PDB file of N, CA and C in Angstrom:
ATOM      1  N   MET A   1       3.238 -26.438  13.411  1.00  0.00           N
ATOM      2  CA  MET A   1       3.070 -25.416  13.281  1.00  0.00           C
ATOM      3  C   MET A   1       2.079 -24.974  13.180  1.00  0.00           C
ATOM      4  N   PHE A   2       2.020 -23.807  14.521  1.00  0.00           N
ATOM      5  CA  PHE A   2       0.484 -23.171  14.379  1.00  0.00           C
ATOM      6  C   PHE A   2       0.219 -22.185  14.074  1.00  0.00           C
ATOM      7  N   ALA A   3      -1.409 -22.005  13.916  1.00  0.00           N
ATOM      8  CA  ALA A   3      -2.115 -20.944  13.408  1.00  0.00           C
ATOM      9  C   ALA A   3      -1.947 -18.957  13.937  1.00  0.00           C
ATOM     10  N   ASN A   4      -1.047 -19.327  14.893  1.00  0.00           N
ATOM     11  CA  ASN A   4      -0.341 -18.010  15.265  1.00  0.00           C
ATOM     12  C   ASN A   4       1.090 -17.921  15.370  1.00  0.00           C
ATOM     13  N   GLU A   5       1.570 -19.571  14.758  1.00  0.00           N
ATOM     14  CA  GLU A   5       2.923 -18.484  13.936  1.00  0.00           C
ATOM     15  C   GLU A   5       3.330 -18.819  12.333  1.00  0.00           C
ATOM     16  N   ARG A   6       1.845 -18.397  11.824  1.00  0.00           N
ATOM     17  CA  ARG A   6       1.608 -18.620  10.277  1.00  0.00           C
ATOM     18  C   ARG A   6       2.480 -17.206   9.935  1.00  0.00           C
ATOM     19  N   TYR A   7       2.137 -15.533  10.768  1.00  0.00           N
ATOM     20  CA  TYR A   7       2.275 -14.318  10.359  1.00  0.00           C
ATOM     21  C   TYR A   7       4.337 -14.340  10.614  1.00  0.00           C
ATOM     22  N   GLY A   8       4.889 -13.158  10.559  1.00  0.00           N
ATOM     23  CA  GLY A   8       5.754 -13.216  10.838  1.00  0.00           C
ATOM     24  C   GLY A   8       6.005 -12.223  12.466  1.00  0.00           C
ATOM     25  N   THR A   9       6.543 -11.672  12.987  1.00  0.00           N
ATOM     26  CA  THR A   9       6.179 -10.714  14.241  1.00  0.00           C
ATOM     27  C   THR A   9       6.330  -9.719  14.545  1.00  0.00           C
ATOM     28  N   ARG A  10       7.113  -9.133  12.483  1.00  0.00           N
ATOM     29  CA  ARG A  10       7.513  -8.019  13.833  1.00  0.00           C
ATOM     30  C   ARG A  10       6.022  -6.545  13.250  1.00  0.00           C
ATOM     31  N   VAL A  11       6.410  -5.417  13.064  1.00  0.00           N
ATOM     32  CA  VAL A  11       5.594  -5.065  13.718  1.00  0.00           C
ATOM     33  C   VAL A  11       5.690  -3.679  12.718  1.00  0.00           C
ATOM     34  N   PRO A  12       4.554  -3.765  11.956  1.00  0.00           N
ATOM     35  CA  PRO A  12       4.497  -2.937  10.483  1.00  0.00           C
ATOM     36  C   PRO A  12       4.846  -1.445  11.460  1.00  0.00           C
ATOM     37  N   SER A  13       5.190  -0.195  10.013  1.00  0.00           N
ATOM     38  CA  SER A  13       5.061   1.209  11.080  1.00  0.00           C
ATOM     39  C   SER A  13       3.447   1.681  10.902  1.00  0.00           C
ATOM     40  N   GLN A  14       3.429   2.789  11.224  1.00  0.00           N
ATOM     41  CA  GLN A  14       2.071   4.072  10.894  1.00  0.00           C
ATOM     42  C   GLN A  14       2.271   3.478   8.892  1.00  0.00           C
ATOM     43  N   ARG A  15       2.908   4.223   8.714  1.00  0.00           N
ATOM     44  CA  ARG A  15       3.044   4.520   6.835  1.00  0.00           C
ATOM     45  C   ARG A  15       2.680   2.963   6.466  1.00  0.00           C
ATOM     46  N   GLU A  16       3.241   1.759   6.904  1.00  0.00           N
ATOM     47  CA  GLU A  16       2.904   0.687   5.961  1.00  0.00           C
ATOM     48  C   GLU A  16       1.195   0.220   6.847  1.00  0.00           C
ATOM     49  N   ASN A  17       1.222   0.508   7.921  1.00  0.00           N
ATOM     50  CA  ASN A  17      -0.195   0.198   8.460  1.00  0.00           C
ATOM     51  C   ASN A  17      -1.250   1.135   7.231  1.00  0.00           C
ATOM     52  N   ARG A  18      -1.214   1.701   6.735  1.00  0.00           N
ATOM     53  CA  ARG A  18      -1.829   2.954   6.091  1.00  0.00           C
ATOM     54  C   ARG A  18      -1.934   2.159   4.595  1.00  0.00           C
ATOM     55  N   VAL A  19      -1.205   1.848   4.317  1.00  0.00           N
ATOM     56  CA  VAL A  19      -0.255   1.023   3.306  1.00  0.00           C
ATOM     57  C   VAL A  19      -1.490   0.073   3.701  1.00  0.00           C
ATOM     58  N   ILE A  20      -1.081  -0.910   3.312  1.00  0.00           N
ATOM     59  CA  ILE A  20      -2.326  -1.940   4.319  1.00  0.00           C
ATOM     60  C   ILE A  20      -4.083  -1.941   4.329  1.00  0.00           C
ATOM     61  N   GLU A  21      -3.470  -0.706   5.073  1.00  0.00           N
ATOM     62  CA  GLU A  21      -5.666  -0.760   4.849  1.00  0.00           C
ATOM     63  C   GLU A  21      -6.088  -0.435   3.587  1.00  0.00           C
ATOM     64  N   LEU A  22      -5.174   0.786   2.677  1.00  0.00           N
ATOM     65  CA  LEU A  22      -5.800   0.756   1.587  1.00  0.00           C
ATOM     66  C   LEU A  22      -5.764  -0.286   0.129  1.00  0.00           C
ATOM     67  N   VAL A  23      -5.246  -0.718   1.165  1.00  0.00           N
ATOM     68  CA  VAL A  23      -4.388  -2.370  -0.048  1.00  0.00           C
ATOM     69  C   VAL A  23      -5.644  -3.064   0.417  1.00  0.00           C
ATOM     70  N   ALA A  24      -5.958  -3.691   1.382  1.00  0.00           N
ATOM     71  CA  ALA A  24      -6.727  -4.737   2.067  1.00  0.00           C
ATOM     72  C   ALA A  24      -8.432  -3.745   1.631  1.00  0.00           C
ATOM     73  N   GLN A  25      -8.839  -2.271   1.145  1.00  0.00           N
ATOM     74  CA  GLN A  25      -9.916  -2.496   0.973  1.00  0.00           C
ATOM     75  C   GLN A  25      -9.219  -2.306  -1.243  1.00  0.00           C
ATOM     76  N   GLY A  26      -8.877  -3.363  -1.660  1.00  0.00           N
ATOM     77  CA  GLY A  26      -8.854  -3.132  -2.549  1.00  0.00           C
ATOM     78  C   GLY A  26      -8.925  -2.677  -3.758  1.00  0.00           C
ATOM     79  N   LEU A  27      -7.419  -1.090  -3.820  1.00  0.00           N
ATOM     80  CA  LEU A  27      -6.849   0.133  -4.638  1.00  0.00           C
ATOM     81  C   LEU A  27      -6.031  -1.220  -4.541  1.00  0.00           C
ATOM     82  N   LYS A  28      -5.502   0.048  -5.815  1.00  0.00           N
ATOM     83  CA  LYS A  28      -4.467  -0.348  -6.362  1.00  0.00           C
ATOM     84  C   LYS A  28      -3.067   0.430  -6.504  1.00  0.00           C
ATOM     85  N   ASN A  29      -2.387  -0.202  -6.444  1.00  0.00           N
ATOM     86  CA  ASN A  29      -0.910   0.244  -6.153  1.00  0.00           C
ATOM     87  C   ASN A  29      -1.094   2.068  -6.842  1.00  0.00           C
ATOM     88  N   ARG A  30      -1.132   2.619  -7.729  1.00  0.00           N
ATOM     89  CA  ARG A  30      -1.732   4.411  -8.723  1.00  0.00           C
ATOM     90  C   ARG A  30      -2.430   4.294  -7.486  1.00  0.00           C
ATOM     91  N   ASP A  31      -3.191   4.417  -7.334  1.00  0.00           N
ATOM     92  CA  ASP A  31      -4.074   4.204  -6.492  1.00  0.00           C
ATOM     93  C   ASP A  31      -4.387   4.816  -4.658  1.00  0.00           C
ATOM     94  N   VAL A  32      -3.371   3.388  -4.435  1.00  0.00           N
ATOM     95  CA  VAL A  32      -2.580   3.716  -3.053  1.00  0.00           C
ATOM     96  C   VAL A  32      -1.403   5.237  -3.042  1.00  0.00           C
ATOM     97  N   ALA A  33      -0.693   4.678  -4.078  1.00  0.00           N
ATOM     98  CA  ALA A  33       0.317   5.638  -4.555  1.00  0.00           C
ATOM     99  C   ALA A  33      -0.292   7.602  -4.257  1.00  0.00           C
ATOM    100  N   ASP A  34      -1.807   7.914  -4.957  1.00  0.00           N
ATOM    101  CA  ASP A  34      -2.700   9.356  -5.137  1.00  0.00           C
ATOM    102  C   ASP A  34      -2.856   9.155  -3.562  1.00  0.00           C
ATOM    103  N   ALA A  35      -3.037   8.209  -2.620  1.00  0.00           N
ATOM    104  CA  ALA A  35      -4.346   8.224  -1.583  1.00  0.00           C
ATOM    105  C   ALA A  35      -3.064   8.981  -0.456  1.00  0.00           C
ATOM    106  N   ILE A  36      -1.409   8.484  -0.142  1.00  0.00           N
ATOM    107  CA  ILE A  36      -0.926   8.663   0.491  1.00  0.00           C
ATOM    108  C   ILE A  36       0.662   9.558   0.224  1.00  0.00           C
ATOM    109  N   GLY A  37       0.206   9.972  -1.450  1.00  0.00           N
ATOM    110  CA  GLY A  37       1.010  11.323  -1.948  1.00  0.00           C
ATOM    111  C   GLY A  37       2.073  10.672  -2.181  1.00  0.00           C
ATOM    112  N   THR A  38       2.594  10.288  -2.478  1.00  0.00           N
ATOM    113  CA  THR A  38       4.030   8.749  -3.069  1.00  0.00           C
ATOM    114  C   THR A  38       3.885   8.065  -5.158  1.00  0.00           C
ATOM    115  N   THR A  39       4.531   7.339  -5.031  1.00  0.00           N
ATOM    116  CA  THR A  39       4.897   6.916  -6.581  1.00  0.00           C
ATOM    117  C   THR A  39       4.600   5.257  -6.429  1.00  0.00           C
ATOM    118  N   GLU A  40       4.090   5.647  -7.269  1.00  0.00           N
ATOM    119  CA  GLU A  40       3.681   3.509  -7.480  1.00  0.00           C
ATOM    120  C   GLU A  40       4.715   2.707  -7.589  1.00  0.00           C
ATOM    121  N   HIS A  41       5.724   2.829  -7.340  1.00  0.00           N
ATOM    122  CA  HIS A  41       7.032   2.113  -7.267  1.00  0.00           C
ATOM    123  C   HIS A  41       7.705   2.148  -5.598  1.00  0.00           C
ATOM    124  N   VAL A  42       7.734   3.802  -5.271  1.00  0.00           N
ATOM    125  CA  VAL A  42       7.119   4.000  -3.588  1.00  0.00           C
ATOM    126  C   VAL A  42       6.459   2.283  -2.554  1.00  0.00           C
ATOM    127  N   VAL A  43       5.147   2.791  -3.382  1.00  0.00           N
ATOM    128  CA  VAL A  43       4.517   1.661  -2.525  1.00  0.00           C
ATOM    129  C   VAL A  43       4.711  -0.055  -3.098  1.00  0.00           C
ATOM    130  N   LYS A  44       5.221   0.043  -4.759  1.00  0.00           N
ATOM    131  CA  LYS A  44       5.524  -1.744  -4.127  1.00  0.00           C
ATOM    132  C   LYS A  44       6.584  -2.109  -3.779  1.00  0.00           C
ATOM    133  N   ASN A  45       7.387  -1.168  -2.833  1.00  0.00           N
ATOM    134  CA  ASN A  45       8.321  -1.180  -2.063  1.00  0.00           C
ATOM    135  C   ASN A  45       7.908  -1.709  -1.063  1.00  0.00           C
ATOM    136  N   TYR A  46       7.047  -0.741  -0.467  1.00  0.00           N
ATOM    137  CA  TYR A  46       6.688  -0.412   0.911  1.00  0.00           C
ATOM    138  C   TYR A  46       5.715  -2.304   1.126  1.00  0.00           C
ATOM    139  N   LEU A  47       5.424  -2.685  -0.050  1.00  0.00           N
ATOM    140  CA  LEU A  47       4.770  -3.929  -0.331  1.00  0.00           C
ATOM    141  C   LEU A  47       5.299  -4.410   0.163  1.00  0.00           C
ATOM    142  N   ARG A  48       6.438  -4.839  -0.470  1.00  0.00           N
ATOM    143  CA  ARG A  48       7.979  -5.845   0.086  1.00  0.00           C
ATOM    144  C   ARG A  48       7.743  -6.192   0.968  1.00  0.00           C
ATOM    145  N   VAL A  49       8.566  -4.696   2.073  1.00  0.00           N
ATOM    146  CA  VAL A  49       8.808  -4.729   3.133  1.00  0.00           C
ATOM    147  C   VAL A  49       7.686  -5.773   3.610  1.00  0.00           C
ATOM    148  N   ILE A  50       6.312  -4.886   3.149  1.00  0.00           N
ATOM    149  CA  ILE A  50       5.315  -5.896   4.707  1.00  0.00           C
ATOM    150  C   ILE A  50       4.636  -7.081   4.644  1.00  0.00           C
ATOM    151  N   TYR A  51       4.827  -7.753   2.879  1.00  0.00           N
ATOM    152  CA  TYR A  51       5.202  -9.129   2.552  1.00  0.00           C
ATOM    153  C   TYR A  51       6.773  -9.593   3.856  1.00  0.00           C
ATOM    154  N   ASP A  52       6.980  -9.409   3.174  1.00  0.00           N
ATOM    155  CA  ASP A  52       8.024  -9.825   4.453  1.00  0.00           C
ATOM    156  C   ASP A  52       7.768  -9.360   6.437  1.00  0.00           C
ATOM    157  N   LYS A  53       8.063  -7.962   6.394  1.00  0.00           N
ATOM    158  CA  LYS A  53       7.420  -8.947   7.893  1.00  0.00           C
ATOM    159  C   LYS A  53       6.457  -9.807   8.943  1.00  0.00           C
ATOM    160  N   LEU A  54       5.650  -9.238   7.719  1.00  0.00           N
ATOM    161  CA  LEU A  54       4.415 -10.679   8.288  1.00  0.00           C
ATOM    162  C   LEU A  54       4.354 -12.260   7.506  1.00  0.00           C
ATOM    163  N   GLY A  55       5.399 -11.885   7.000  1.00  0.00           N
ATOM    164  CA  GLY A  55       5.387 -13.252   6.711  1.00  0.00           C
ATOM    165  C   GLY A  55       5.219 -13.669   5.583  1.00  0.00           C
ATOM    166  N   LEU A  56       3.751 -12.641   4.447  1.00  0.00           N
ATOM    167  CA  LEU A  56       3.110 -12.871   3.659  1.00  0.00           C
ATOM    168  C   LEU A  56       3.342 -12.709   2.322  1.00  0.00           C
ATOM    169  N   TRP A  57       2.274 -13.728   1.410  1.00  0.00           N
ATOM    170  CA  TRP A  57       3.256 -13.248  -0.296  1.00  0.00           C
ATOM    171  C   TRP A  57       2.210 -12.237  -1.454  1.00  0.00           C
ATOM    172  N   ASN A  58       0.655 -12.339  -1.380  1.00  0.00           N
ATOM    173  CA  ASN A  58       1.148 -11.523  -1.680  1.00  0.00           C
ATOM    174  C   ASN A  58      -0.250 -10.543  -1.099  1.00  0.00           C
ATOM    175  N   ARG A  59      -1.289  -9.460  -2.360  1.00  0.00           N
ATOM    176  CA  ARG A  59      -2.113  -8.669  -1.478  1.00  0.00           C
ATOM    177  C   ARG A  59      -3.926  -9.396  -1.032  1.00  0.00           C
ATOM    178  N   VAL A  60      -3.731 -10.525  -1.151  1.00  0.00           N
ATOM    179  CA  VAL A  60      -5.000 -11.870  -0.662  1.00  0.00           C
ATOM    180  C   VAL A  60      -5.031 -11.870   1.247  1.00  0.00           C
ATOM    181  N   GLU A  61      -3.576 -12.922   0.727  1.00  0.00           N
ATOM    182  CA  GLU A  61      -2.881 -13.280   2.011  1.00  0.00           C
ATOM    183  C   GLU A  61      -3.013 -11.802   2.675  1.00  0.00           C
ATOM    184  N   LEU A  62      -2.033 -10.452   2.693  1.00  0.00           N
ATOM    185  CA  LEU A  62      -2.198  -9.072   2.794  1.00  0.00           C
ATOM    186  C   LEU A  62      -3.800  -8.723   4.064  1.00  0.00           C
ATOM    187  N   ALA A  63      -5.339  -8.389   3.246  1.00  0.00           N
ATOM    188  CA  ALA A  63      -6.276  -8.192   3.492  1.00  0.00           C
ATOM    189  C   ALA A  63      -6.607  -9.481   4.065  1.00  0.00           C
ATOM    190  N   LEU A  64      -6.457 -10.060   4.105  1.00  0.00           N
ATOM    191  CA  LEU A  64      -7.006 -11.281   5.547  1.00  0.00           C
ATOM    192  C   LEU A  64      -6.150 -11.191   6.428  1.00  0.00           C
ATOM    193  N   TRP A  65      -4.760 -11.096   6.397  1.00  0.00           N
ATOM    194  CA  TRP A  65      -4.072 -10.372   7.979  1.00  0.00           C
ATOM    195  C   TRP A  65      -4.721  -9.442   8.092  1.00  0.00           C
ATOM    196  N   TYR A  66      -5.269  -8.299   7.969  1.00  0.00           N
ATOM    197  CA  TYR A  66      -5.514  -6.881   7.689  1.00  0.00           C
ATOM    198  C   TYR A  66      -7.307  -7.413   8.468  1.00  0.00           C
ATOM    199  N   GLU A  67      -7.957  -8.311   7.924  1.00  0.00           N
ATOM    200  CA  GLU A  67      -9.442  -8.061   8.421  1.00  0.00           C
ATOM    201  C   GLU A  67      -8.985  -9.274   9.377  1.00  0.00           C
ATOM    202  N   SER A  68      -8.631 -10.350   9.958  1.00  0.00           N
ATOM    203  CA  SER A  68      -8.220 -11.274  10.811  1.00  0.00           C
ATOM    204  C   SER A  68      -7.891  -9.859  11.977  1.00  0.00           C
ATOM    205  N   ARG A  69      -7.318  -9.140  12.179  1.00  0.00           N
ATOM    206  CA  ARG A  69      -6.415  -8.435  12.797  1.00  0.00           C
ATOM    207  C   ARG A  69      -7.899  -6.773  13.401  1.00  0.00           C
ATOM    208  N   ARG A  70      -8.620  -6.375  12.682  1.00  0.00           N
ATOM    209  CA  ARG A  70      -9.621  -6.086  12.302  1.00  0.00           C
ATOM    210  C   ARG A  70     -11.465  -6.654  13.803  1.00  0.00           C
ATOM    211  N   GLN A  71     -10.594  -7.849  13.354  1.00  0.00           N
ATOM    212  CA  GLN A  71     -11.981  -8.436  13.861  1.00  0.00           C
ATOM    213  C   GLN A  71     -11.491  -9.140  15.301  1.00  0.00           C
ATOM    214  N   GLN A  72     -10.235  -8.950  15.750  1.00  0.00           N
ATOM    215  CA  GLN A  72     -10.144  -9.454  16.787  1.00  0.00           C
ATOM    216  C   GLN A  72     -10.680  -8.163  18.129  1.00  0.00           C
ATOM    217  N   PRO A  73     -11.088  -8.328  18.932  1.00  0.00           N
ATOM    218  CA  PRO A  73     -11.156  -7.587  19.628  1.00  0.00           C
ATOM    219  C   PRO A  73     -10.441  -6.766  21.534  1.00  0.00           C
ATOM    220  N   GLN A  74     -10.346  -5.472  20.603  1.00  0.00           N
ATOM    221  CA  GLN A  74      -9.628  -4.881  21.477  1.00  0.00           C
ATOM    222  C   GLN A  74      -9.094  -4.901  22.879  1.00  0.00           C
ATOM    223  N   LEU A  75      -7.898  -5.200  24.001  1.00  0.00           N
ATOM    224  CA  LEU A  75      -7.596  -5.419  25.556  1.00  0.00           C
ATOM    225  C   LEU A  75      -7.949  -3.425  25.260  1.00  0.00           C
ATOM    226  N   PRO A  76      -8.046  -2.890  27.260  1.00  0.00           N
ATOM    227  CA  PRO A  76      -8.911  -2.379  27.160  1.00  0.00           C
ATOM    228  C   PRO A  76      -7.105  -1.513  27.695  1.00  0.00           C
ATOM    229  N   SER A  77      -7.065  -0.439  27.823  1.00  0.00           N
ATOM    230  CA  SER A  77      -5.691   0.273  27.830  1.00  0.00           C
ATOM    231  C   SER A  77      -5.493   0.485  29.505  1.00  0.00           C
TER     232      SER A  77
END
């Protein structure tokens, strides 16, 4: 398996990206829920879907995935 095959190929939605960003900042589920105006239970569901989409297992992997994407140079449009 090559390094770029490590993660799933499905793309998170805009709302899922917001959850990813908040989790990567170190917020707990309750804080993420407050920030996006929902419940902690809904955040847990978002995380399950996100982990499945990206082929990840936990918050640490999610934060590393997020940081690796932030550091990639953006291609001109």
